[in-house]
């Protein structure tokens, strides 16, 4: 198994206009592509297990292959520990993983084959919309935030 490396990708700009960079753990493949070890917190359009090609000059990336994982980001007003205690076991039962936990943010990866309805039912049962809110990181077009990317349709197609 190859050792984990850390890459930096452009995640957007801060409210004061400064560029924001997210550091991601990856496995570097023989062809110099990278496989994500965890779903990112702020970079949209990719999830754990996806393979990307990185342009190191401008910290941009090209998606080469999807893993089938959904990236789910949960933002909290208060401490995320109680939320994590309620959410993580339910998502783990479906095969999901908690990729990142900070005091105000949880990031999960879960395979799309678990079903949007089942995943959203769990998230909506725990997140109240006022003190905690969740978003998919790789379901909607990163530009408009609304147009479904539909990458999961091939994965979910009956054999």
C-alpha atoms as a PDB file:
ATOM      1  CA  UNK A   1       0.000   0.000   0.000  1.00  0.00           C
ATOM      2  CA  UNK A   2       1.354   3.406  -0.902  1.00  0.00           C
ATOM      3  CA  UNK A   3       1.958   5.920   1.837  1.00  0.00           C
ATOM      4  CA  UNK A   4      -0.510   8.738   2.302  1.00  0.00           C
ATOM      5  CA  UNK A   5       0.412  12.133   0.911  1.00  0.00           C
ATOM      6  CA  UNK A   6      -1.156  15.525   1.490  1.00  0.00           C
ATOM      7  CA  UNK A   7      -2.205  17.735  -1.412  1.00  0.00           C
ATOM      8  CA  UNK A   8      -3.561  21.275  -1.334  1.00  0.00           C
ATOM      9  CA  UNK A   9      -6.510  22.277  -3.485  1.00  0.00           C
ATOM     10  CA  UNK A  10      -8.196  25.636  -3.986  1.00  0.00           C
ATOM     11  CA  UNK A  11     -11.466  25.607  -2.019  1.00  0.00           C
ATOM     12  CA  UNK A  12     -12.729  29.115  -2.773  1.00  0.00           C
ATOM     13  CA  UNK A  13     -12.243  32.577  -1.330  1.00  0.00           C
ATOM     14  CA  UNK A  14     -12.783  33.808   2.204  1.00  0.00           C
ATOM     15  CA  UNK A  15     -15.214  36.666   2.976  1.00  0.00           C
ATOM     16  CA  UNK A  16     -12.263  39.098   2.820  1.00  0.00           C
ATOM     17  CA  UNK A  17     -11.244  37.828  -0.630  1.00  0.00           C
ATOM     18  CA  UNK A  18      -8.290  35.667   0.399  1.00  0.00           C
ATOM     19  CA  UNK A  19      -7.869  32.305  -1.353  1.00  0.00           C
ATOM     20  CA  UNK A  20      -8.783  29.322   0.823  1.00  0.00           C
ATOM     21  CA  UNK A  21      -6.856  26.093   0.404  1.00  0.00           C
ATOM     22  CA  UNK A  22      -7.950  22.711   1.759  1.00  0.00           C
ATOM     23  CA  UNK A  23      -5.390  20.053   2.585  1.00  0.00           C
ATOM     24  CA  UNK A  24      -6.495  16.539   1.623  1.00  0.00           C
ATOM     25  CA  UNK A  25      -4.977  13.158   2.351  1.00  0.00           C
ATOM     26  CA  UNK A  26      -4.535  11.082  -0.794  1.00  0.00           C
ATOM     27  CA  UNK A  27      -2.866   7.983  -2.135  1.00  0.00           C
ATOM     28  CA  UNK A  28      -0.758   8.818  -5.186  1.00  0.00           C
ATOM     29  CA  UNK A  29      -1.274   6.289  -8.001  1.00  0.00           C
ATOM     30  CA  UNK A  30       1.428   5.161 -10.433  1.00  0.00           C
ATOM     31  CA  UNK A  31       0.018   7.458 -13.145  1.00  0.00           C
ATOM     32  CA  UNK A  32       0.369  10.428 -10.735  1.00  0.00           C
ATOM     33  CA  UNK A  33      -3.393  10.616 -10.183  1.00  0.00           C
ATOM     34  CA  UNK A  34      -4.615  10.816  -6.574  1.00  0.00           C
ATOM     35  CA  UNK A  35      -7.242   8.821  -4.723  1.00  0.00           C
ATOM     36  CA  UNK A  36      -8.968  10.708  -1.907  1.00  0.00           C
ATOM     37  CA  UNK A  37      -8.777   9.030   1.504  1.00  0.00           C
ATOM     38  CA  UNK A  38     -11.538  11.208   3.020  1.00  0.00           C
ATOM     39  CA  UNK A  39     -14.259  13.469   1.708  1.00  0.00           C
ATOM     40  CA  UNK A  40     -13.301  17.152   1.749  1.00  0.00           C
ATOM     41  CA  UNK A  41     -15.011  19.678   4.010  1.00  0.00           C
ATOM     42  CA  UNK A  42     -15.129  22.587   1.571  1.00  0.00           C
ATOM     43  CA  UNK A  43     -14.196  21.450  -1.937  1.00  0.00           C
ATOM     44  CA  UNK A  44     -17.337  20.593  -3.837  1.00  0.00           C
ATOM     45  CA  UNK A  45     -17.869  17.833  -6.372  1.00  0.00           C
ATOM     46  CA  UNK A  46     -15.630  15.103  -4.940  1.00  0.00           C
ATOM     47  CA  UNK A  47     -15.776  12.473  -2.193  1.00  0.00           C
ATOM     48  CA  UNK A  48     -13.726   9.823  -0.452  1.00  0.00           C
ATOM     49  CA  UNK A  49     -12.390   7.204  -2.869  1.00  0.00           C
ATOM     50  CA  UNK A  50     -12.657   9.427  -5.951  1.00  0.00           C
ATOM     51  CA  UNK A  51      -9.637   9.607  -8.242  1.00  0.00           C
ATOM     52  CA  UNK A  52      -8.494  13.047  -9.347  1.00  0.00           C
ATOM     53  CA  UNK A  53      -5.659  14.545 -11.360  1.00  0.00           C
ATOM     54  CA  UNK A  54      -4.169  17.630  -9.736  1.00  0.00           C
ATOM     55  CA  UNK A  55      -2.742  20.652 -11.517  1.00  0.00           C
ATOM     56  CA  UNK A  56      -0.215  21.683  -8.880  1.00  0.00           C
ATOM     57  CA  UNK A  57       0.355  25.106 -10.475  1.00  0.00           C
ATOM     58  CA  UNK A  58      -3.148  26.420  -9.789  1.00  0.00           C
ATOM     59  CA  UNK A  59      -4.340  23.926  -7.141  1.00  0.00           C
ATOM     60  CA  UNK A  60      -7.233  22.870  -9.382  1.00  0.00           C
ATOM     61  CA  UNK A  61      -8.228  19.281 -10.117  1.00  0.00           C
ATOM     62  CA  UNK A  62      -9.886  17.132 -12.741  1.00  0.00           C
ATOM     63  CA  UNK A  63     -12.157  14.300 -11.626  1.00  0.00           C
ATOM     64  CA  UNK A  64     -11.072  11.053 -13.293  1.00  0.00           C
ATOM     65  CA  UNK A  65     -13.200   8.403 -11.593  1.00  0.00           C
ATOM     66  CA  UNK A  66     -15.972   8.443  -8.993  1.00  0.00           C
ATOM     67  CA  UNK A  67     -15.984   5.949  -6.135  1.00  0.00           C
ATOM     68  CA  UNK A  68     -19.758   6.058  -5.702  1.00  0.00           C
ATOM     69  CA  UNK A  69     -19.439   7.726  -2.314  1.00  0.00           C
ATOM     70  CA  UNK A  70     -21.529  10.702  -1.284  1.00  0.00           C
ATOM     71  CA  UNK A  71     -19.790  13.466   0.659  1.00  0.00           C
ATOM     72  CA  UNK A  72     -22.027  14.794   3.438  1.00  0.00           C
ATOM     73  CA  UNK A  73     -21.167  17.897   5.432  1.00  0.00           C
ATOM     74  CA  UNK A  74     -22.930  18.736   8.683  1.00  0.00           C
ATOM     75  CA  UNK A  75     -22.470  22.240  10.100  1.00  0.00           C
ATOM     76  CA  UNK A  76     -23.314  22.949  13.757  1.00  0.00           C
ATOM     77  CA  UNK A  77     -23.855  26.139  15.742  1.00  0.00           C
ATOM     78  CA  UNK A  78     -22.738  24.489  18.972  1.00  0.00           C
ATOM     79  CA  UNK A  79     -20.361  21.630  19.725  1.00  0.00           C
ATOM     80  CA  UNK A  80     -20.693  18.776  17.227  1.00  0.00           C
ATOM     81  CA  UNK A  81     -20.015  15.989  19.769  1.00  0.00           C
ATOM     82  CA  UNK A  82     -23.653  15.347  20.697  1.00  0.00           C
ATOM     83  CA  UNK A  83     -24.671  15.473  17.037  1.00  0.00           C
ATOM     84  CA  UNK A  84     -21.884  13.054  16.107  1.00  0.00           C
ATOM     85  CA  UNK A  85     -22.940  10.695  18.908  1.00  0.00           C
ATOM     86  CA  UNK A  86     -26.448  10.530  17.428  1.00  0.00           C
ATOM     87  CA  UNK A  87     -25.577  10.564  13.724  1.00  0.00           C
ATOM     88  CA  UNK A  88     -22.393   8.533  13.358  1.00  0.00           C
ATOM     89  CA  UNK A  89     -23.709   5.140  14.615  1.00  0.00           C
ATOM     90  CA  UNK A  90     -26.739   5.359  12.286  1.00  0.00           C
ATOM     91  CA  UNK A  91     -24.627   6.186   9.232  1.00  0.00           C
ATOM     92  CA  UNK A  92     -22.013   3.564  10.174  1.00  0.00           C
ATOM     93  CA  UNK A  93     -24.764   0.917  10.198  1.00  0.00           C
ATOM     94  CA  UNK A  94     -25.221   1.705   6.497  1.00  0.00           C
ATOM     95  CA  UNK A  95     -21.465   1.496   5.885  1.00  0.00           C
ATOM     96  CA  UNK A  96     -20.828   5.225   6.167  1.00  0.00           C
ATOM     97  CA  UNK A  97     -17.698   6.706   7.700  1.00  0.00           C
ATOM     98  CA  UNK A  98     -17.022   9.829   9.741  1.00  0.00           C
ATOM     99  CA  UNK A  99     -14.143  11.418   7.802  1.00  0.00           C
ATOM    100  CA  UNK A 100     -13.678  14.576   9.830  1.00  0.00           C
ATOM    101  CA  UNK A 101     -14.894  15.976  13.133  1.00  0.00           C
ATOM    102  CA  UNK A 102     -14.218  19.503  14.326  1.00  0.00           C
ATOM    103  CA  UNK A 103     -16.173  21.448  16.970  1.00  0.00           C
ATOM    104  CA  UNK A 104     -18.577  22.845  14.344  1.00  0.00           C
ATOM    105  CA  UNK A 105     -18.289  20.464  11.384  1.00  0.00           C
ATOM    106  CA  UNK A 106     -18.767  16.771  10.626  1.00  0.00           C
ATOM    107  CA  UNK A 107     -17.883  15.227   7.259  1.00  0.00           C
ATOM    108  CA  UNK A 108     -19.177  11.787   6.273  1.00  0.00           C
ATOM    109  CA  UNK A 109     -18.716   9.493   3.288  1.00  0.00           C
ATOM    110  CA  UNK A 110     -21.381   6.935   2.466  1.00  0.00           C
ATOM    111  CA  UNK A 111     -21.990   4.901  -0.678  1.00  0.00           C
ATOM    112  CA  UNK A 112     -24.836   6.129  -2.874  1.00  0.00           C
ATOM    113  CA  UNK A 113     -26.265   2.583  -3.043  1.00  0.00           C
ATOM    114  CA  UNK A 114     -27.504   3.051   0.552  1.00  0.00           C
ATOM    115  CA  UNK A 115     -30.201   5.228  -0.975  1.00  0.00           C
ATOM    116  CA  UNK A 116     -30.819   8.958  -0.835  1.00  0.00           C
ATOM    117  CA  UNK A 117     -34.133   8.473   1.016  1.00  0.00           C
ATOM    118  CA  UNK A 118     -32.603   6.394   3.805  1.00  0.00           C
ATOM    119  CA  UNK A 119     -29.576   8.694   4.196  1.00  0.00           C
ATOM    120  CA  UNK A 120     -31.694  11.872   4.182  1.00  0.00           C
ATOM    121  CA  UNK A 121     -34.157  10.372   6.680  1.00  0.00           C
ATOM    122  CA  UNK A 122     -31.281   9.802   9.148  1.00  0.00           C
ATOM    123  CA  UNK A 123     -29.792  13.270   8.573  1.00  0.00           C
ATOM    124  CA  UNK A 124     -33.165  15.017   8.875  1.00  0.00           C
ATOM    125  CA  UNK A 125     -33.998  13.103  12.075  1.00  0.00           C
ATOM    126  CA  UNK A 126     -30.872  14.506  13.773  1.00  0.00           C
ATOM    127  CA  UNK A 127     -30.269  17.906  12.142  1.00  0.00           C
ATOM    128  CA  UNK A 128     -32.893  20.477  13.109  1.00  0.00           C
ATOM    129  CA  UNK A 129     -32.071  23.118  10.493  1.00  0.00           C
ATOM    130  CA  UNK A 130     -31.587  25.809  13.151  1.00  0.00           C
ATOM    131  CA  UNK A 131     -28.631  24.565  15.206  1.00  0.00           C
ATOM    132  CA  UNK A 132     -27.386  22.051  12.650  1.00  0.00           C
ATOM    133  CA  UNK A 133     -27.740  21.760   8.899  1.00  0.00           C
ATOM    134  CA  UNK A 134     -26.406  19.240   6.382  1.00  0.00           C
ATOM    135  CA  UNK A 135     -25.406  19.424   2.718  1.00  0.00           C
ATOM    136  CA  UNK A 136     -24.197  17.008   0.094  1.00  0.00           C
ATOM    137  CA  UNK A 137     -20.720  17.911  -1.108  1.00  0.00           C
ATOM    138  CA  UNK A 138     -20.841  16.153  -4.469  1.00  0.00           C
ATOM    139  CA  UNK A 139     -24.479  15.843  -5.569  1.00  0.00           C
ATOM    140  CA  UNK A 140     -25.102  19.294  -7.060  1.00  0.00           C
ATOM    141  CA  UNK A 141     -23.216  21.351  -9.619  1.00  0.00           C
ATOM    142  CA  UNK A 142     -20.513  23.278  -7.699  1.00  0.00           C
ATOM    143  CA  UNK A 143     -21.288  26.410  -9.744  1.00  0.00           C
ATOM    144  CA  UNK A 144     -25.035  26.791  -9.108  1.00  0.00           C
ATOM    145  CA  UNK A 145     -25.483  24.462  -6.117  1.00  0.00           C
ATOM    146  CA  UNK A 146     -28.819  23.230  -7.485  1.00  0.00           C
ATOM    147  CA  UNK A 147     -28.396  21.213 -10.673  1.00  0.00           C
ATOM    148  CA  UNK A 148     -28.030  17.513  -9.797  1.00  0.00           C
ATOM    149  CA  UNK A 149     -24.831  16.034 -11.246  1.00  0.00           C
ATOM    150  CA  UNK A 150     -26.585  12.655 -11.751  1.00  0.00           C
ATOM    151  CA  UNK A 151     -23.290  10.708 -11.661  1.00  0.00           C
ATOM    152  CA  UNK A 152     -24.990   8.076  -9.482  1.00  0.00           C
ATOM    153  CA  UNK A 153     -27.436   6.967 -12.167  1.00  0.00           C
ATOM    154  CA  UNK A 154     -24.925   4.602 -13.809  1.00  0.00           C
ATOM    155  CA  UNK A 155     -23.896   3.204 -10.423  1.00  0.00           C
ATOM    156  CA  UNK A 156     -27.510   2.565  -9.354  1.00  0.00           C
ATOM    157  CA  UNK A 157     -28.616   1.075 -12.680  1.00  0.00           C
ATOM    158  CA  UNK A 158     -29.761  -2.540 -12.320  1.00  0.00           C
ATOM    159  CA  UNK A 159     -27.192  -4.989 -13.710  1.00  0.00           C
END
